[in-house]
PDB file of N, CA and C in Angstrom:
ATOM      1  N   MET A   1     -10.501 -94.463 143.954  1.00  0.00           N
ATOM      2  CA  MET A   1      -9.922 -95.785 143.932  1.00  0.00           C
ATOM      3  C   MET A   1      -8.462 -95.909 144.827  1.00  0.00           C
ATOM      4  N   THR A   2      -8.643 -96.835 145.506  1.00  0.00           N
ATOM      5  CA  THR A   2      -7.465 -97.281 146.611  1.00  0.00           C
ATOM      6  C   THR A   2      -6.426 -98.326 145.948  1.00  0.00           C
ATOM      7  N   PHE A   3      -5.464 -98.074 146.248  1.00  0.00           N
ATOM      8  CA  PHE A   3      -4.534 -99.016 145.786  1.00  0.00           C
ATOM      9  C   PHE A   3      -3.678 -99.431 147.041  1.00  0.00           C
ATOM     10  N   ASP A   4      -3.259-100.916 146.960  1.00  0.00           N
ATOM     11  CA  ASP A   4      -2.606-101.578 147.963  1.00  0.00           C
ATOM     12  C   ASP A   4      -0.989-101.106 147.553  1.00  0.00           C
ATOM     13  N   ALA A   5      -0.277-100.484 148.162  1.00  0.00           N
ATOM     14  CA  ALA A   5       1.001-100.208 147.728  1.00  0.00           C
ATOM     15  C   ALA A   5       1.821-101.334 148.038  1.00  0.00           C
ATOM     16  N   THR A   6       1.704-102.231 149.158  1.00  0.00           N
ATOM     17  CA  THR A   6       2.438-103.568 149.178  1.00  0.00           C
ATOM     18  C   THR A   6       2.135-104.393 148.213  1.00  0.00           C
ATOM     19  N   ALA A   7       0.989-104.741 147.727  1.00  0.00           N
ATOM     20  CA  ALA A   7       0.845-105.666 146.621  1.00  0.00           C
ATOM     21  C   ALA A   7       1.652-105.230 145.442  1.00  0.00           C
ATOM     22  N   ILE A   8       1.365-103.861 145.132  1.00  0.00           N
ATOM     23  CA  ILE A   8       1.781-103.508 144.016  1.00  0.00           C
ATOM     24  C   ILE A   8       3.383-103.380 143.994  1.00  0.00           C
ATOM     25  N   THR A   9       4.122-103.039 145.179  1.00  0.00           N
ATOM     26  CA  THR A   9       5.314-103.287 145.093  1.00  0.00           C
ATOM     27  C   THR A   9       5.775-104.760 144.858  1.00  0.00           C
ATOM     28  N   GLU A  10       5.171-105.612 145.638  1.00  0.00           N
ATOM     29  CA  GLU A  10       5.448-106.873 145.432  1.00  0.00           C
ATOM     30  C   GLU A  10       5.382-107.363 144.107  1.00  0.00           C
ATOM     31  N   ARG A  11       4.355-107.091 143.604  1.00  0.00           N
ATOM     32  CA  ARG A  11       4.239-107.378 141.956  1.00  0.00           C
ATOM     33  C   ARG A  11       5.581-106.746 141.150  1.00  0.00           C
ATOM     34  N   LEU A  12       5.633-105.606 141.592  1.00  0.00           N
ATOM     35  CA  LEU A  12       7.041-105.042 140.808  1.00  0.00           C
ATOM     36  C   LEU A  12       8.337-105.707 141.099  1.00  0.00           C
ATOM     37  N   ARG A  13       8.491-106.123 142.437  1.00  0.00           N
ATOM     38  CA  ARG A  13       9.498-106.756 142.850  1.00  0.00           C
ATOM     39  C   ARG A  13       9.398-108.334 142.448  1.00  0.00           C
ATOM     40  N   LEU A  14       8.395-108.785 142.007  1.00  0.00           N
ATOM     41  CA  LEU A  14       8.548-110.344 141.651  1.00  0.00           C
ATOM     42  C   LEU A  14       8.900-110.023 139.646  1.00  0.00           C
ATOM     43  N   ALA A  15       8.263-109.138 139.391  1.00  0.00           N
ATOM     44  CA  ALA A  15       8.522-108.771 137.851  1.00  0.00           C
ATOM     45  C   ALA A  15      10.169-108.330 137.572  1.00  0.00           C
ATOM     46  N   GLY A  16      10.441-107.626 138.677  1.00  0.00           N
ATOM     47  CA  GLY A  16      11.940-107.442 138.632  1.00  0.00           C
ATOM     48  C   GLY A  16      12.813-108.710 138.416  1.00  0.00           C
ATOM     49  N   GLU A  17      12.698-109.507 139.633  1.00  0.00           N
ATOM     50  CA  GLU A  17      13.697-110.679 139.569  1.00  0.00           C
ATOM     51  C   GLU A  17      13.275-111.291 138.372  1.00  0.00           C
ATOM     52  N   ASP A  18      12.091-111.659 137.984  1.00  0.00           N
ATOM     53  CA  ASP A  18      11.796-112.394 136.867  1.00  0.00           C
ATOM     54  C   ASP A  18      12.862-112.205 135.602  1.00  0.00           C
ATOM     55  N   TRP A  19      12.880-110.620 135.346  1.00  0.00           N
ATOM     56  CA  TRP A  19      13.620-110.145 134.297  1.00  0.00           C
ATOM     57  C   TRP A  19      15.065-110.377 134.432  1.00  0.00           C
ATOM     58  N   SER A  20      15.486-110.097 135.959  1.00  0.00           N
ATOM     59  CA  SER A  20      16.886-110.360 136.290  1.00  0.00           C
ATOM     60  C   SER A  20      17.388-111.790 135.777  1.00  0.00           C
ATOM     61  N   ASP A  21      16.405-112.796 136.285  1.00  0.00           N
ATOM     62  CA  ASP A  21      16.647-113.993 136.287  1.00  0.00           C
ATOM     63  C   ASP A  21      16.746-114.716 134.835  1.00  0.00           C
ATOM     64  N   LYS A  22      15.971-114.341 133.676  1.00  0.00           N
ATOM     65  CA  LYS A  22      15.809-114.274 132.572  1.00  0.00           C
ATOM     66  C   LYS A  22      16.625-113.569 131.823  1.00  0.00           C
ATOM     67  N   HIS A  23      17.340-112.744 132.317  1.00  0.00           N
ATOM     68  CA  HIS A  23      18.625-111.710 131.594  1.00  0.00           C
ATOM     69  C   HIS A  23      19.811-112.564 131.939  1.00  0.00           C
ATOM     70  N   ALA A  24      19.840-113.233 133.083  1.00  0.00           N
ATOM     71  CA  ALA A  24      20.875-113.796 133.572  1.00  0.00           C
ATOM     72  C   ALA A  24      21.180-115.314 132.599  1.00  0.00           C
ATOM     73  N   ALA A  25      19.977-115.856 132.503  1.00  0.00           N
ATOM     74  CA  ALA A  25      19.895-117.084 131.408  1.00  0.00           C
ATOM     75  C   ALA A  25      20.234-116.630 129.958  1.00  0.00           C
ATOM     76  N   ALA A  26      19.769-115.554 129.486  1.00  0.00           N
ATOM     77  CA  ALA A  26      19.905-115.311 128.364  1.00  0.00           C
ATOM     78  C   ALA A  26      21.629-115.258 127.972  1.00  0.00           C
ATOM     79  N   GLU A  27      22.154-114.015 128.935  1.00  0.00           N
ATOM     80  CA  GLU A  27      23.643-114.186 129.045  1.00  0.00           C
ATOM     81  C   GLU A  27      24.519-115.152 128.900  1.00  0.00           C
ATOM     82  N   ALA A  28      24.299-116.364 129.980  1.00  0.00           N
ATOM     83  CA  ALA A  28      24.717-117.570 129.615  1.00  0.00           C
ATOM     84  C   ALA A  28      24.479-117.963 128.415  1.00  0.00           C
ATOM     85  N   LEU A  29      23.480-118.213 127.730  1.00  0.00           N
ATOM     86  CA  LEU A  29      23.070-119.054 126.758  1.00  0.00           C
ATOM     87  C   LEU A  29      24.270-118.086 125.476  1.00  0.00           C
ATOM     88  N   GLU A  30      23.965-116.773 125.540  1.00  0.00           N
ATOM     89  CA  GLU A  30      24.846-116.224 124.725  1.00  0.00           C
ATOM     90  C   GLU A  30      26.336-116.612 124.593  1.00  0.00           C
ATOM     91  N   HIS A  31      26.671-116.721 125.976  1.00  0.00           N
ATOM     92  CA  HIS A  31      28.457-117.192 126.214  1.00  0.00           C
ATOM     93  C   HIS A  31      28.335-118.588 125.446  1.00  0.00           C
ATOM     94  N   ALA A  32      27.502-119.644 125.964  1.00  0.00           N
ATOM     95  CA  ALA A  32      27.373-120.980 125.453  1.00  0.00           C
ATOM     96  C   ALA A  32      27.625-121.032 124.141  1.00  0.00           C
ATOM     97  N   ALA A  33      26.899-120.199 123.438  1.00  0.00           N
ATOM     98  CA  ALA A  33      26.982-120.209 121.775  1.00  0.00           C
ATOM     99  C   ALA A  33      28.030-119.876 121.122  1.00  0.00           C
ATOM    100  N   GLU A  34      28.921-118.730 122.092  1.00  0.00           N
ATOM    101  CA  GLU A  34      30.066-118.303 121.605  1.00  0.00           C
ATOM    102  C   GLU A  34      30.944-119.625 121.701  1.00  0.00           C
ATOM    103  N   GLY A  35      30.879-120.287 122.999  1.00  0.00           N
ATOM    104  CA  GLY A  35      31.794-121.713 123.154  1.00  0.00           C
ATOM    105  C   GLY A  35      31.689-122.700 122.164  1.00  0.00           C
ATOM    106  N   MET A  36      30.416-122.968 121.766  1.00  0.00           N
ATOM    107  CA  MET A  36      29.884-123.722 120.833  1.00  0.00           C
ATOM    108  C   MET A  36      30.758-123.527 119.643  1.00  0.00           C
ATOM    109  N   LEU A  37      30.534-122.371 119.097  1.00  0.00           N
ATOM    110  CA  LEU A  37      31.134-122.074 117.767  1.00  0.00           C
ATOM    111  C   LEU A  37      32.662-122.426 117.949  1.00  0.00           C
ATOM    112  N   ALA A  38      33.510-121.810 119.249  1.00  0.00           N
ATOM    113  CA  ALA A  38      34.861-122.051 118.905  1.00  0.00           C
ATOM    114  C   ALA A  38      35.109-123.735 118.866  1.00  0.00           C
ATOM    115  N   LYS A  39      34.129-124.417 119.556  1.00  0.00           N
ATOM    116  CA  LYS A  39      34.279-125.708 119.680  1.00  0.00           C
ATOM    117  C   LYS A  39      34.124-126.430 117.932  1.00  0.00           C
ATOM    118  N   GLN A  40      33.139-126.089 117.562  1.00  0.00           N
ATOM    119  CA  GLN A  40      32.644-126.651 116.389  1.00  0.00           C
ATOM    120  C   GLN A  40      33.834-125.916 115.122  1.00  0.00           C
ATOM    121  N   PHE A  41      34.663-124.624 115.518  1.00  0.00           N
ATOM    122  CA  PHE A  41      35.744-124.296 114.564  1.00  0.00           C
ATOM    123  C   PHE A  41      36.810-125.516 114.619  1.00  0.00           C
ATOM    124  N   LEU A  42      37.445-125.744 115.990  1.00  0.00           N
ATOM    125  CA  LEU A  42      38.224-126.419 116.301  1.00  0.00           C
ATOM    126  C   LEU A  42      38.000-128.102 115.627  1.00  0.00           C
ATOM    127  N   ILE A  43      36.631-128.626 115.343  1.00  0.00           N
ATOM    128  CA  ILE A  43      36.906-130.036 115.036  1.00  0.00           C
ATOM    129  C   ILE A  43      36.621-129.871 113.376  1.00  0.00           C
ATOM    130  N   ALA A  44      36.265-128.477 112.916  1.00  0.00           N
ATOM    131  CA  ALA A  44      35.946-128.732 111.343  1.00  0.00           C
ATOM    132  C   ALA A  44      37.347-128.855 110.726  1.00  0.00           C
ATOM    133  N   THR A  45      37.475-128.654 109.212  1.00  0.00           N
ATOM    134  CA  THR A  45      38.435-129.196 108.616  1.00  0.00           C
ATOM    135  C   THR A  45      38.938-128.231 107.415  1.00  0.00           C
ATOM    136  N   GLY A  46      39.669-127.866 106.869  1.00  0.00           N
ATOM    137  CA  GLY A  46      39.837-126.984 105.708  1.00  0.00           C
ATOM    138  C   GLY A  46      40.711-125.509 106.396  1.00  0.00           C
ATOM    139  N   ASN A  47      40.890-124.844 105.526  1.00  0.00           N
ATOM    140  CA  ASN A  47      41.272-123.706 106.214  1.00  0.00           C
ATOM    141  C   ASN A  47      40.533-122.713 106.732  1.00  0.00           C
ATOM    142  N   VAL A  48      41.043-121.453 107.299  1.00  0.00           N
ATOM    143  CA  VAL A  48      40.223-120.764 108.246  1.00  0.00           C
ATOM    144  C   VAL A  48      39.071-120.475 107.802  1.00  0.00           C
ATOM    145  N   GLU A  49      38.984-119.826 106.557  1.00  0.00           N
ATOM    146  CA  GLU A  49      37.570-119.463 106.503  1.00  0.00           C
ATOM    147  C   GLU A  49      36.545-120.494 106.143  1.00  0.00           C
ATOM    148  N   GLU A  50      36.814-121.833 105.571  1.00  0.00           N
ATOM    149  CA  GLU A  50      36.229-122.971 105.609  1.00  0.00           C
ATOM    150  C   GLU A  50      35.810-123.509 107.177  1.00  0.00           C
ATOM    151  N   ARG A  51      36.592-123.404 107.720  1.00  0.00           N
ATOM    152  CA  ARG A  51      36.300-123.820 109.260  1.00  0.00           C
ATOM    153  C   ARG A  51      35.072-122.877 110.035  1.00  0.00           C
ATOM    154  N   LYS A  52      35.523-121.828 109.756  1.00  0.00           N
ATOM    155  CA  LYS A  52      34.371-120.592 110.244  1.00  0.00           C
ATOM    156  C   LYS A  52      33.415-120.975 109.446  1.00  0.00           C
ATOM    157  N   ALA A  53      33.344-121.102 108.379  1.00  0.00           N
ATOM    158  CA  ALA A  53      31.737-121.386 107.728  1.00  0.00           C
ATOM    159  C   ALA A  53      31.202-122.784 108.209  1.00  0.00           C
ATOM    160  N   ARG A  54      31.977-123.742 108.328  1.00  0.00           N
ATOM    161  CA  ARG A  54      31.350-124.994 108.861  1.00  0.00           C
ATOM    162  C   ARG A  54      30.819-124.940 110.040  1.00  0.00           C
ATOM    163  N   ALA A  55      31.537-124.117 110.892  1.00  0.00           N
ATOM    164  CA  ALA A  55      31.319-123.995 112.299  1.00  0.00           C
ATOM    165  C   ALA A  55      29.991-123.254 112.764  1.00  0.00           C
ATOM    166  N   LYS A  56      29.831-122.252 111.762  1.00  0.00           N
ATOM    167  CA  LYS A  56      28.653-121.400 111.636  1.00  0.00           C
ATOM    168  C   LYS A  56      27.505-122.076 111.263  1.00  0.00           C
ATOM    169  N   CYS A  57      27.655-123.245 110.333  1.00  0.00           N
ATOM    170  CA  CYS A  57      26.621-123.885 110.054  1.00  0.00           C
ATOM    171  C   CYS A  57      26.334-125.447 110.609  1.00  0.00           C
ATOM    172  N   SER A  58      27.062-125.661 111.672  1.00  0.00           N
ATOM    173  CA  SER A  58      26.936-126.878 112.049  1.00  0.00           C
ATOM    174  C   SER A  58      25.379-126.833 113.018  1.00  0.00           C
ATOM    175  N   ASP A  59      24.920-127.561 112.791  1.00  0.00           N
ATOM    176  CA  ASP A  59      23.348-128.259 113.780  1.00  0.00           C
ATOM    177  C   ASP A  59      23.526-127.585 115.345  1.00  0.00           C
ATOM    178  N   GLU A  60      24.845-128.008 115.911  1.00  0.00           N
ATOM    179  CA  GLU A  60      25.267-127.734 117.181  1.00  0.00           C
ATOM    180  C   GLU A  60      25.137-126.146 117.578  1.00  0.00           C
ATOM    181  N   TYR A  61      25.739-125.666 116.759  1.00  0.00           N
ATOM    182  CA  TYR A  61      25.930-124.065 117.067  1.00  0.00           C
ATOM    183  C   TYR A  61      24.362-123.417 116.694  1.00  0.00           C
ATOM    184  N   GLN A  62      23.792-123.801 115.589  1.00  0.00           N
ATOM    185  CA  GLN A  62      22.763-123.197 115.113  1.00  0.00           C
ATOM    186  C   GLN A  62      21.572-123.147 116.224  1.00  0.00           C
ATOM    187  N   ALA A  63      21.427-124.727 117.113  1.00  0.00           N
ATOM    188  CA  ALA A  63      21.114-124.705 117.996  1.00  0.00           C
ATOM    189  C   ALA A  63      21.096-123.915 119.127  1.00  0.00           C
ATOM    190  N   ALA A  64      22.403-123.794 119.465  1.00  0.00           N
ATOM    191  CA  ALA A  64      22.790-122.771 120.534  1.00  0.00           C
ATOM    192  C   ALA A  64      22.350-121.272 120.583  1.00  0.00           C
ATOM    193  N   VAL A  65      22.519-120.912 118.815  1.00  0.00           N
ATOM    194  CA  VAL A  65      21.973-119.726 119.025  1.00  0.00           C
ATOM    195  C   VAL A  65      20.656-119.372 118.962  1.00  0.00           C
ATOM    196  N   LYS A  66      20.119-120.253 118.411  1.00  0.00           N
ATOM    197  CA  LYS A  66      18.423-120.318 118.729  1.00  0.00           C
ATOM    198  C   LYS A  66      17.952-120.490 120.275  1.00  0.00           C
ATOM    199  N   ALA A  67      18.674-121.093 121.000  1.00  0.00           N
ATOM    200  CA  ALA A  67      18.467-121.136 122.416  1.00  0.00           C
ATOM    201  C   ALA A  67      18.773-119.885 123.032  1.00  0.00           C
ATOM    202  N   SER A  68      19.729-119.013 122.457  1.00  0.00           N
ATOM    203  CA  SER A  68      20.088-117.781 123.288  1.00  0.00           C
ATOM    204  C   SER A  68      18.889-116.724 122.479  1.00  0.00           C
ATOM    205  N   ILE A  69      18.823-116.712 121.508  1.00  0.00           N
ATOM    206  CA  ILE A  69      17.714-115.752 120.944  1.00  0.00           C
ATOM    207  C   ILE A  69      16.336-115.848 121.607  1.00  0.00           C
ATOM    208  N   ASP A  70      16.051-117.389 121.956  1.00  0.00           N
ATOM    209  CA  ASP A  70      14.656-117.573 122.602  1.00  0.00           C
ATOM    210  C   ASP A  70      14.934-116.999 123.947  1.00  0.00           C
ATOM    211  N   ALA A  71      15.946-117.056 124.562  1.00  0.00           N
ATOM    212  CA  ALA A  71      16.035-116.483 125.951  1.00  0.00           C
ATOM    213  C   ALA A  71      16.061-115.334 125.997  1.00  0.00           C
ATOM    214  N   ARG A  72      16.711-114.625 125.030  1.00  0.00           N
ATOM    215  CA  ARG A  72      17.023-112.959 125.129  1.00  0.00           C
ATOM    216  C   ARG A  72      15.518-112.155 124.783  1.00  0.00           C
ATOM    217  N   LEU A  73      14.551-113.259 123.933  1.00  0.00           N
ATOM    218  CA  LEU A  73      12.958-112.711 123.659  1.00  0.00           C
ATOM    219  C   LEU A  73      12.358-112.924 125.033  1.00  0.00           C
ATOM    220  N   ALA A  74      12.820-113.920 125.937  1.00  0.00           N
ATOM    221  CA  ALA A  74      11.697-113.736 127.038  1.00  0.00           C
ATOM    222  C   ALA A  74      12.206-113.106 128.199  1.00  0.00           C
ATOM    223  N   ALA A  75      13.665-112.573 127.998  1.00  0.00           N
ATOM    224  CA  ALA A  75      14.322-111.608 128.937  1.00  0.00           C
ATOM    225  C   ALA A  75      13.608-110.199 128.765  1.00  0.00           C
ATOM    226  N   ASN A  76      13.590-109.921 127.194  1.00  0.00           N
ATOM    227  CA  ASN A  76      13.140-108.786 126.712  1.00  0.00           C
ATOM    228  C   ASN A  76      11.719-108.517 127.253  1.00  0.00           C
ATOM    229  N   LYS A  77      10.861-109.691 127.102  1.00  0.00           N
ATOM    230  CA  LYS A  77       9.420-109.678 127.527  1.00  0.00           C
ATOM    231  C   LYS A  77       9.545-109.197 129.056  1.00  0.00           C
ATOM    232  N   ALA A  78      10.276-110.143 129.564  1.00  0.00           N
ATOM    233  CA  ALA A  78       9.965-109.742 131.253  1.00  0.00           C
ATOM    234  C   ALA A  78      10.481-108.080 131.658  1.00  0.00           C
ATOM    235  N   ARG A  79      11.491-107.763 130.656  1.00  0.00           N
ATOM    236  CA  ARG A  79      11.712-106.390 130.971  1.00  0.00           C
ATOM    237  C   ARG A  79      10.753-105.379 130.762  1.00  0.00           C
ATOM    238  N   VAL A  80       9.796-105.627 129.724  1.00  0.00           N
ATOM    239  CA  VAL A  80       8.860-104.784 129.455  1.00  0.00           C
ATOM    240  C   VAL A  80       7.692-104.976 130.272  1.00  0.00           C
ATOM    241  N   ARG A  81       7.587-106.193 131.116  1.00  0.00           N
ATOM    242  CA  ARG A  81       6.680-106.420 132.085  1.00  0.00           C
ATOM    243  C   ARG A  81       7.137-105.451 133.334  1.00  0.00           C
ATOM    244  N   TYR A  82       8.365-105.556 133.393  1.00  0.00           N
ATOM    245  CA  TYR A  82       8.956-104.679 134.755  1.00  0.00           C
ATOM    246  C   TYR A  82       8.983-103.493 134.473  1.00  0.00           C
ATOM    247  N   ASP A  83       9.346-103.108 133.182  1.00  0.00           N
ATOM    248  CA  ASP A  83       9.100-101.513 133.174  1.00  0.00           C
ATOM    249  C   ASP A  83       7.787-100.763 133.059  1.00  0.00           C
ATOM    250  N   THR A  84       6.588-101.639 132.785  1.00  0.00           N
ATOM    251  CA  THR A  84       5.194-101.489 132.426  1.00  0.00           C
ATOM    252  C   THR A  84       4.911-101.290 134.019  1.00  0.00           C
ATOM    253  N   GLY A  85       5.463-101.792 134.873  1.00  0.00           N
ATOM    254  CA  GLY A  85       4.769-102.081 136.113  1.00  0.00           C
ATOM    255  C   GLY A  85       5.593-100.568 137.032  1.00  0.00           C
ATOM    256  N   LYS A  86       6.529-100.457 136.419  1.00  0.00           N
ATOM    257  CA  LYS A  86       7.226 -99.098 137.057  1.00  0.00           C
ATOM    258  C   LYS A  86       6.320 -97.927 136.631  1.00  0.00           C
ATOM    259  N   ALA A  87       5.775 -98.102 135.163  1.00  0.00           N
ATOM    260  CA  ALA A  87       5.308 -96.872 134.566  1.00  0.00           C
ATOM    261  C   ALA A  87       3.930 -96.714 135.297  1.00  0.00           C
ATOM    262  N   TYR A  88       3.302 -97.640 135.928  1.00  0.00           N
ATOM    263  CA  TYR A  88       2.085 -97.933 136.448  1.00  0.00           C
ATOM    264  C   TYR A  88       2.139 -97.197 137.558  1.00  0.00           C
ATOM    265  N   CYS A  89       3.172 -97.375 138.456  1.00  0.00           N
ATOM    266  CA  CYS A  89       3.482 -96.835 140.149  1.00  0.00           C
ATOM    267  C   CYS A  89       3.665 -95.347 139.868  1.00  0.00           C
ATOM    268  N   GLU A  90       4.281 -94.800 138.508  1.00  0.00           N
ATOM    269  CA  GLU A  90       4.643 -93.230 138.293  1.00  0.00           C
ATOM    270  C   GLU A  90       3.139 -92.900 137.845  1.00  0.00           C
ATOM    271  N   LEU A  91       2.173 -93.425 137.239  1.00  0.00           N
ATOM    272  CA  LEU A  91       0.992 -93.130 136.783  1.00  0.00           C
ATOM    273  C   LEU A  91       0.199 -92.905 138.422  1.00  0.00           C
ATOM    274  N   ILE A  92       0.113 -94.037 138.986  1.00  0.00           N
ATOM    275  CA  ILE A  92      -0.461 -93.997 140.567  1.00  0.00           C
ATOM    276  C   ILE A  92      -0.018 -92.743 141.264  1.00  0.00           C
ATOM    277  N   ARG A  93       1.133 -92.348 141.188  1.00  0.00           N
ATOM    278  CA  ARG A  93       1.923 -91.440 141.829  1.00  0.00           C
ATOM    279  C   ARG A  93       1.112 -90.087 141.340  1.00  0.00           C
ATOM    280  N   THR A  94       1.501 -90.058 140.046  1.00  0.00           N
ATOM    281  CA  THR A  94       1.002 -88.827 139.511  1.00  0.00           C
ATOM    282  C   THR A  94      -0.532 -88.351 139.782  1.00  0.00           C
ATOM    283  N   GLN A  95      -1.093 -89.502 139.557  1.00  0.00           N
ATOM    284  CA  GLN A  95      -2.795 -89.282 140.013  1.00  0.00           C
ATOM    285  C   GLN A  95      -3.130 -89.104 141.378  1.00  0.00           C
ATOM    286  N   GLU A  96      -2.070 -89.621 142.490  1.00  0.00           N
ATOM    287  CA  GLU A  96      -2.647 -89.256 143.879  1.00  0.00           C
ATOM    288  C   GLU A  96      -2.157 -87.585 143.865  1.00  0.00           C
ATOM    289  N   SER A  97      -1.052 -87.177 143.404  1.00  0.00           N
ATOM    290  CA  SER A  97      -0.465 -85.983 143.528  1.00  0.00           C
ATOM    291  C   SER A  97      -1.625 -84.861 143.117  1.00  0.00           C
ATOM    292  N   THR A  98      -2.159 -85.256 141.953  1.00  0.00           N
ATOM    293  CA  THR A  98      -3.046 -84.365 141.346  1.00  0.00           C
ATOM    294  C   THR A  98      -4.368 -84.425 142.175  1.00  0.00           C
ATOM    295  N   LYS A  99      -4.586 -85.507 142.750  1.00  0.00           N
ATOM    296  CA  LYS A  99      -5.812 -85.341 143.783  1.00  0.00           C
ATOM    297  C   LYS A  99      -5.558 -84.584 144.918  1.00  0.00           C
ATOM    298  N   ARG A 100      -4.427 -84.607 145.516  1.00  0.00           N
ATOM    299  CA  ARG A 100      -3.841 -83.905 146.517  1.00  0.00           C
ATOM    300  C   ARG A 100      -3.903 -82.057 146.171  1.00  0.00           C
ATOM    301  N   ALA A 101      -3.424 -82.076 144.932  1.00  0.00           N
ATOM    302  CA  ALA A 101      -3.443 -80.799 144.487  1.00  0.00           C
ATOM    303  C   ALA A 101      -4.636 -80.289 144.670  1.00  0.00           C
ATOM    304  N   GLU A 102      -5.590 -80.720 143.807  1.00  0.00           N
ATOM    305  CA  GLU A 102      -6.903 -80.404 143.672  1.00  0.00           C
ATOM    306  C   GLU A 102      -7.570 -80.275 144.938  1.00  0.00           C
ATOM    307  N   MET A 103      -7.682 -80.873 146.135  1.00  0.00           N
ATOM    308  CA  MET A 103      -8.107 -80.856 147.576  1.00  0.00           C
ATOM    309  C   MET A 103      -7.557 -79.614 147.935  1.00  0.00           C
ATOM    310  N   THR A 104      -6.250 -79.262 147.837  1.00  0.00           N
ATOM    311  CA  THR A 104      -5.939 -77.926 148.505  1.00  0.00           C
ATOM    312  C   THR A 104      -6.531 -76.538 147.745  1.00  0.00           C
ATOM    313  N   MET A 105      -6.832 -76.754 146.451  1.00  0.00           N
ATOM    314  CA  MET A 105      -7.426 -75.596 145.757  1.00  0.00           C
ATOM    315  C   MET A 105      -8.743 -75.354 145.950  1.00  0.00           C
ATOM    316  N   ARG A 106      -9.499 -76.109 146.769  1.00  0.00           N
ATOM    317  CA  ARG A 106     -10.840 -76.189 146.943  1.00  0.00           C
ATOM    318  C   ARG A 106     -11.051 -75.171 148.015  1.00  0.00           C
TER     319      ARG A 106
END
C-alpha cells in the first residue's frame, strides 16, 4: 500500500487549522459569557447574593453559556480529528519502518 505523504500532510494541516479556529471561537465565547454575567450582575437588583443568582439565571447569560459550551464541544471534536490524524501518521511511520526492517532481515 502506498501513501501520498503530501495529501496526508495537507489533511492533517487542515484538521489542525480547524481545531485552532474552533478553539479560538470557544475561548472568545467563554470570555463573552463572563462579560454577560458581569453585565447581568450590574443590572440586577438586591443584595450581592441575590444579584449573583439573578445574573446567573438570566436568559442572556444562560444563552451565552450554552453558546460557549457548544463551541467548546465543536473545538474538542476538532481536536480529536486532529489527534487522530497525528496517530494515523505515526501508524504509517511504524508500518513503513517495520517493512524496511523486515526487508533487511531477508
